[in-house]
Structure formats: structure tokens, C-alpha cells
Amino acid sequence: MANKEITVKLVKSVIGCNEKQKANVRGLGLRKIRSERTLENTPSVRGMIKKVIHLLEIK
């Protein structure tokens, strides 16, 4: 695995999302719009990102 880290940025609001999606965003460590986190590239993190990909920007 070449990239061991993924940087995610919250670009859309979680208002109007269901509770599971809000929990995934919080689980990724994102709080406010434009907040960024660098996370390990693991299957569990990729699965969480996939659930809320429409709210995020991936670097």
C-alpha cells in the first residue's frame, strides 16, 4: 500500500443527514465545515468515508 494516510475535508453540512451519517462524520473526527483530518488508510476508515462521500473532499 503506497498511501498510508488519507486526508478528508468536510465540505457540506450534516444538517438534513440521518443519524448514522452524522455519526460517521463525527467518527472520522470532523466537526465543522472545512475541518480536515489525516487518517490511516484502513478498510474501516474507507468504509466510513464511502457512507458519507457526498459530504467530503478526499486528498
Protein backbone atom coordinates (compact mmCIF):
# COMPACT_ATOMS: atom_id res chain seq x y z
CA MET A 1 0.00 0.00 0.00
CA ALA A 2 1.67 3.20 -1.20
CA ASN A 3 -0.51 5.80 0.56
CA LYS A 4 -0.80 5.01 4.24
CA GLU A 5 -2.80 8.14 5.02
CA ILE A 6 -5.94 9.78 3.64
CA THR A 7 -6.82 13.43 4.20
CA VAL A 8 -10.55 14.15 4.33
CA LYS A 9 -12.23 17.55 4.45
CA LEU A 10 -15.87 18.22 5.31
CA VAL A 11 -17.27 20.44 2.52
CA LYS A 12 -21.03 20.08 3.06
CA SER A 13 -23.17 20.38 6.17
CA VAL A 14 -24.57 17.37 8.01
CA ILE A 15 -27.88 19.18 8.52
CA GLY A 16 -30.52 17.02 6.90
CA CYS A 17 -28.44 13.85 7.11
CA ASN A 18 -29.65 10.87 9.08
CA GLU A 19 -28.12 9.96 12.45
CA LYS A 20 -25.88 7.22 11.04
CA GLN A 21 -24.30 9.63 8.58
CA LYS A 22 -23.78 12.23 11.31
CA ALA A 23 -22.16 9.57 13.48
CA ASN A 24 -19.82 8.59 10.64
CA VAL A 25 -18.72 12.19 10.14
CA ARG A 26 -18.05 12.55 13.87
CA GLY A 27 -16.27 9.18 13.87
CA LEU A 28 -13.93 10.49 11.19
CA GLY A 29 -13.09 13.35 13.55
CA LEU A 30 -14.78 16.10 11.55
CA ARG A 31 -16.81 18.75 13.35
CA LYS A 32 -17.34 21.90 11.31
CA ILE A 33 -17.40 22.63 7.59
CA ARG A 34 -13.86 22.94 6.16
CA SER A 35 -12.38 20.90 9.02
CA GLU A 36 -9.71 18.42 7.89
CA ARG A 37 -8.28 15.22 9.31
CA THR A 38 -5.48 12.95 8.16
CA LEU A 39 -6.43 9.34 8.86
CA GLU A 40 -4.88 5.90 8.36
CA ASN A 41 -5.82 4.16 5.12
CA THR A 42 -7.60 1.14 6.62
CA PRO A 43 -10.67 -0.76 5.40
CA SER A 44 -12.78 0.55 8.29
CA VAL A 45 -11.90 4.19 7.57
CA ARG A 46 -12.52 3.71 3.84
CA GLY A 47 -15.93 2.20 4.66
CA MET A 48 -16.85 5.19 6.82
CA ILE A 49 -15.76 7.56 4.05
CA LYS A 50 -17.82 5.66 1.50
CA LYS A 51 -21.00 6.18 3.56
CA VAL A 52 -20.64 9.98 3.53
CA ILE A 53 -18.56 10.55 0.37
CA HIS A 54 -21.09 13.14 -0.86
CA LEU A 55 -20.19 15.40 2.08
CA LEU A 56 -16.40 15.08 1.83
CA GLU A 57 -13.43 16.05 -0.26
CA ILE A 58 -10.61 13.49 -0.41
CA LYS A 59 -6.97 14.45 -0.86
